[in-house]
């Protein structure tokens, strides 16, 4: 028997880190975890149509600090920052804590698995042929010096009556090599035919720790 393991959790703490960097004891862990989930649910609802990468939540003495990595920071900030202030006020009201939100730009969005999956899912929802959307995403990532990329899609593709699964890849991804920096995510595309699932692996480079 063998088990499928997430490439990100498999590399913690060697070259990857947790997306929630806070610590709590047994008594307060339940409350802290519920606050963490509330923050992520609010951001998922408010930033539905924005390509968002990783969201890192850390605890401070005065409250919470939320770092949002996105490919289009102007959509989160708004023209004069009013959208960011609105999101911050919603998070503070939901959690009952002082929340500080930092918006950071992703330098290479074509090398971020969540941004790539968001783009493919958005194009599939707009009724673009899935093969064309996936091949365009793969070519863009390879142009940005990605070593290898793999995208798996399944469901009622192009409205077919029988659901099927297809895999598109450029090269071979060393999933068992810990020093290989592999970004991974899952995404859903809600179409009129039903839900189409997506999985994206992007092998960027090798990370060697200094002795």
Protein backbone atom coordinates (compact mmCIF):
# COMPACT_ATOMS: atom_id res chain seq x y z
CA UNK A 1 0.00 0.00 0.00
CA UNK A 2 1.15 3.53 -0.74
CA UNK A 3 -0.39 6.87 0.11
CA UNK A 4 -0.63 10.10 -1.85
CA UNK A 5 0.99 12.91 0.11
CA UNK A 6 0.77 16.62 -0.61
CA UNK A 7 4.11 17.87 -2.04
CA UNK A 8 3.95 20.88 0.30
CA UNK A 9 3.36 18.97 3.57
CA UNK A 10 5.97 16.40 2.50
CA UNK A 11 8.62 19.16 2.44
CA UNK A 12 7.80 20.76 5.81
CA UNK A 13 10.07 21.86 7.54
CA UNK A 14 12.92 21.20 5.09
CA UNK A 15 12.26 23.80 2.38
CA UNK A 16 8.61 24.72 3.08
CA UNK A 17 6.92 26.42 6.01
CA UNK A 18 3.44 26.45 7.51
CA UNK A 19 0.85 28.92 6.21
CA UNK A 20 -0.24 29.60 9.82
CA UNK A 21 2.74 30.63 11.92
CA UNK A 22 1.27 30.78 15.40
CA UNK A 23 1.57 28.62 18.51
CA UNK A 24 -0.92 27.93 21.29
CA UNK A 25 -1.29 25.53 24.21
CA UNK A 26 -3.96 22.85 24.58
CA UNK A 27 -6.46 25.16 26.27
CA UNK A 28 -6.44 27.91 23.64
CA UNK A 29 -5.74 25.81 20.54
CA UNK A 30 -9.42 25.27 19.73
CA UNK A 31 -10.19 28.98 19.88
CA UNK A 32 -7.10 29.96 17.88
CA UNK A 33 -7.89 27.42 15.19
CA UNK A 34 -11.46 28.68 14.84
CA UNK A 35 -10.15 32.24 14.45
CA UNK A 36 -7.73 31.07 11.76
CA UNK A 37 -10.54 29.34 9.85
CA UNK A 38 -12.79 32.41 10.15
CA UNK A 39 -10.10 34.60 8.59
CA UNK A 40 -9.57 32.22 5.68
CA UNK A 41 -13.32 31.83 5.06
CA UNK A 42 -13.82 35.61 5.00
CA UNK A 43 -10.92 36.11 2.58
CA UNK A 44 -12.21 33.30 0.36
CA UNK A 45 -15.61 34.98 0.19
CA UNK A 46 -14.35 38.55 -0.30
CA UNK A 47 -11.60 37.73 -2.80
CA UNK A 48 -13.49 35.26 -4.95
CA UNK A 49 -12.65 36.80 -8.33
CA UNK A 50 -9.07 37.83 -7.51
CA UNK A 51 -6.04 35.58 -8.22
CA UNK A 52 -4.71 35.02 -4.69
CA UNK A 53 -1.66 32.91 -3.88
CA UNK A 54 -0.73 31.91 -0.35
CA UNK A 55 -2.25 33.54 2.75
CA UNK A 56 -0.01 33.55 5.84
CA UNK A 57 -1.57 34.21 9.27
CA UNK A 58 0.64 35.00 12.27
CA UNK A 59 -0.16 36.01 15.83
CA UNK A 60 1.22 39.11 17.52
CA UNK A 61 0.88 40.51 21.01
CA UNK A 62 -1.77 42.99 19.90
CA UNK A 63 -3.66 40.80 17.45
CA UNK A 64 -3.30 39.08 14.08
CA UNK A 65 -1.22 39.86 11.02
CA UNK A 66 -2.50 38.53 7.69
CA UNK A 67 -0.20 38.54 4.65
CA UNK A 68 -1.96 38.10 1.30
CA UNK A 69 0.14 37.26 -1.75
CA UNK A 70 -1.64 38.14 -4.98
CA UNK A 71 -0.93 38.68 -8.66
CA UNK A 72 -3.12 41.81 -8.78
CA UNK A 73 -2.71 43.83 -5.60
CA UNK A 74 -4.59 46.82 -7.02
CA UNK A 75 -7.85 44.82 -7.00
CA UNK A 76 -7.50 44.17 -3.26
CA UNK A 77 -6.35 47.66 -2.31
CA UNK A 78 -8.85 49.61 -4.40
CA UNK A 79 -8.27 53.09 -5.78
CA UNK A 80 -7.51 54.76 -2.44
CA UNK A 81 -7.26 51.69 -0.19
CA UNK A 82 -10.96 51.65 0.71
CA UNK A 83 -11.36 47.99 -0.23
CA UNK A 84 -8.50 46.94 2.05
CA UNK A 85 -9.97 48.96 4.93
CA UNK A 86 -13.33 47.25 4.40
CA UNK A 87 -11.74 43.77 4.48
CA UNK A 88 -9.76 44.68 7.59
CA UNK A 89 -12.87 45.91 9.40
CA UNK A 90 -14.76 42.71 8.49
CA UNK A 91 -11.93 40.53 9.81
CA UNK A 92 -11.73 42.54 13.04
CA UNK A 93 -15.48 42.25 13.58
CA UNK A 94 -15.58 38.51 12.83
CA UNK A 95 -12.60 37.59 15.01
CA UNK A 96 -12.95 40.21 17.75
CA UNK A 97 -9.23 40.98 17.48
CA UNK A 98 -7.04 43.72 16.06
CA UNK A 99 -6.16 42.58 12.51
CA UNK A 100 -3.48 44.02 10.25
CA UNK A 101 -3.57 43.05 6.58
CA UNK A 102 -0.50 43.22 4.32
CA UNK A 103 -0.90 42.85 0.56
CA UNK A 104 2.20 41.62 -1.26
CA UNK A 105 2.75 41.28 -4.99
CA UNK A 106 3.76 37.92 -6.49
CA UNK A 107 6.79 38.55 -8.70
CA UNK A 108 6.25 35.58 -11.03
CA UNK A 109 2.52 34.69 -11.03
CA UNK A 110 3.07 32.09 -13.78
CA UNK A 111 5.19 30.09 -11.30
CA UNK A 112 2.53 30.12 -8.56
CA UNK A 113 0.30 27.03 -8.65
CA UNK A 114 -2.75 28.76 -7.15
CA UNK A 115 -2.62 31.64 -9.62
CA UNK A 116 -2.17 29.25 -12.57
CA UNK A 117 -5.06 27.05 -11.37
CA UNK A 118 -7.25 30.13 -10.85
CA UNK A 119 -6.60 31.26 -14.42
CA UNK A 120 -7.36 27.84 -15.91
CA UNK A 121 -10.53 27.42 -13.83
CA UNK A 122 -11.72 30.91 -14.77
CA UNK A 123 -11.24 30.21 -18.48
CA UNK A 124 -13.05 26.86 -18.22
CA UNK A 125 -15.98 28.58 -16.49
CA UNK A 126 -16.11 31.03 -19.41
CA UNK A 127 -16.57 28.01 -21.74
CA UNK A 128 -13.10 28.06 -23.25
CA UNK A 129 -11.95 24.56 -24.38
CA UNK A 130 -10.08 23.04 -21.46
CA UNK A 131 -7.22 21.75 -23.62
CA UNK A 132 -6.52 25.21 -24.96
CA UNK A 133 -6.64 26.82 -21.50
CA UNK A 134 -4.31 24.20 -19.98
CA UNK A 135 -1.80 24.29 -22.84
CA UNK A 136 -1.65 28.10 -22.68
CA UNK A 137 -0.97 27.94 -18.94
CA UNK A 138 1.77 25.34 -19.42
CA UNK A 139 3.48 27.36 -22.15
CA UNK A 140 3.42 30.55 -20.05
CA UNK A 141 4.95 28.77 -17.05
CA UNK A 142 7.68 27.21 -19.17
CA UNK A 143 8.49 30.63 -20.63
CA UNK A 144 9.03 31.91 -17.06
CA UNK A 145 11.77 29.28 -16.53
CA UNK A 146 9.70 26.67 -14.74
CA UNK A 147 11.51 23.33 -14.93
CA UNK A 148 8.44 21.11 -15.20
CA UNK A 149 4.69 21.44 -14.82
CA UNK A 150 1.77 19.02 -14.59
CA UNK A 151 -1.96 19.77 -14.65
CA UNK A 152 -4.62 17.12 -14.01
CA UNK A 153 -8.28 17.79 -14.83
CA UNK A 154 -11.34 15.58 -14.34
CA UNK A 155 -15.11 15.82 -14.60
CA UNK A 156 -17.60 16.31 -17.44
CA UNK A 157 -15.05 17.88 -19.78
CA UNK A 158 -16.59 19.96 -22.57
CA UNK A 159 -20.02 18.81 -21.39
CA UNK A 160 -19.55 15.10 -22.13
CA UNK A 161 -22.06 12.72 -20.58
CA UNK A 162 -19.39 10.50 -19.01
CA UNK A 163 -16.86 12.06 -16.65
CA UNK A 164 -13.23 11.36 -17.43
CA UNK A 165 -9.75 12.31 -16.28
CA UNK A 166 -6.88 13.75 -18.30
CA UNK A 167 -3.32 14.75 -17.43
CA UNK A 168 -1.15 17.31 -19.24
CA UNK A 169 2.51 17.69 -18.36
CA UNK A 170 5.75 19.06 -19.64
CA UNK A 171 8.57 16.81 -18.48
CA UNK A 172 8.81 14.76 -15.29
CA UNK A 173 8.34 16.13 -11.78
CA UNK A 174 10.58 14.62 -9.03
CA UNK A 175 7.91 14.43 -6.33
CA UNK A 176 10.03 12.20 -4.07
CA UNK A 177 13.04 14.55 -3.98
CA UNK A 178 12.73 16.78 -0.91
CA UNK A 179 15.09 19.49 -2.18
CA UNK A 180 12.88 20.03 -5.25
CA UNK A 181 10.73 23.12 -4.72
CA UNK A 182 7.31 22.00 -5.98
CA UNK A 183 4.25 24.21 -5.68
CA UNK A 184 0.92 22.36 -5.56
CA UNK A 185 -2.73 23.24 -5.27
CA UNK A 186 -6.26 22.04 -6.04
CA UNK A 187 -9.05 24.12 -7.60
CA UNK A 188 -12.65 23.75 -8.75
CA UNK A 189 -14.32 25.14 -11.84
CA UNK A 190 -18.10 25.45 -11.49
CA UNK A 191 -19.62 25.05 -14.97
CA UNK A 192 -23.17 24.55 -16.24
CA UNK A 193 -22.34 20.85 -16.73
CA UNK A 194 -21.10 20.39 -13.17
CA UNK A 195 -17.93 20.72 -11.14
CA UNK A 196 -14.58 20.20 -12.84
CA UNK A 197 -11.60 19.50 -10.59
CA UNK A 198 -8.05 20.74 -11.16
CA UNK A 199 -4.69 19.79 -9.69
CA UNK A 200 -1.53 21.74 -10.53
CA UNK A 201 2.11 20.84 -9.82
CA UNK A 202 4.91 23.30 -10.70
CA UNK A 203 8.55 22.32 -10.23
CA UNK A 204 10.50 25.57 -9.95
CA UNK A 205 14.03 24.81 -8.78
CA UNK A 206 16.14 22.93 -6.24
CA UNK A 207 16.78 24.32 -2.75
CA UNK A 208 20.04 23.43 -1.02
CA UNK A 209 20.35 24.31 2.66
CA UNK A 210 23.62 25.75 3.89
CA UNK A 211 25.47 23.61 6.38
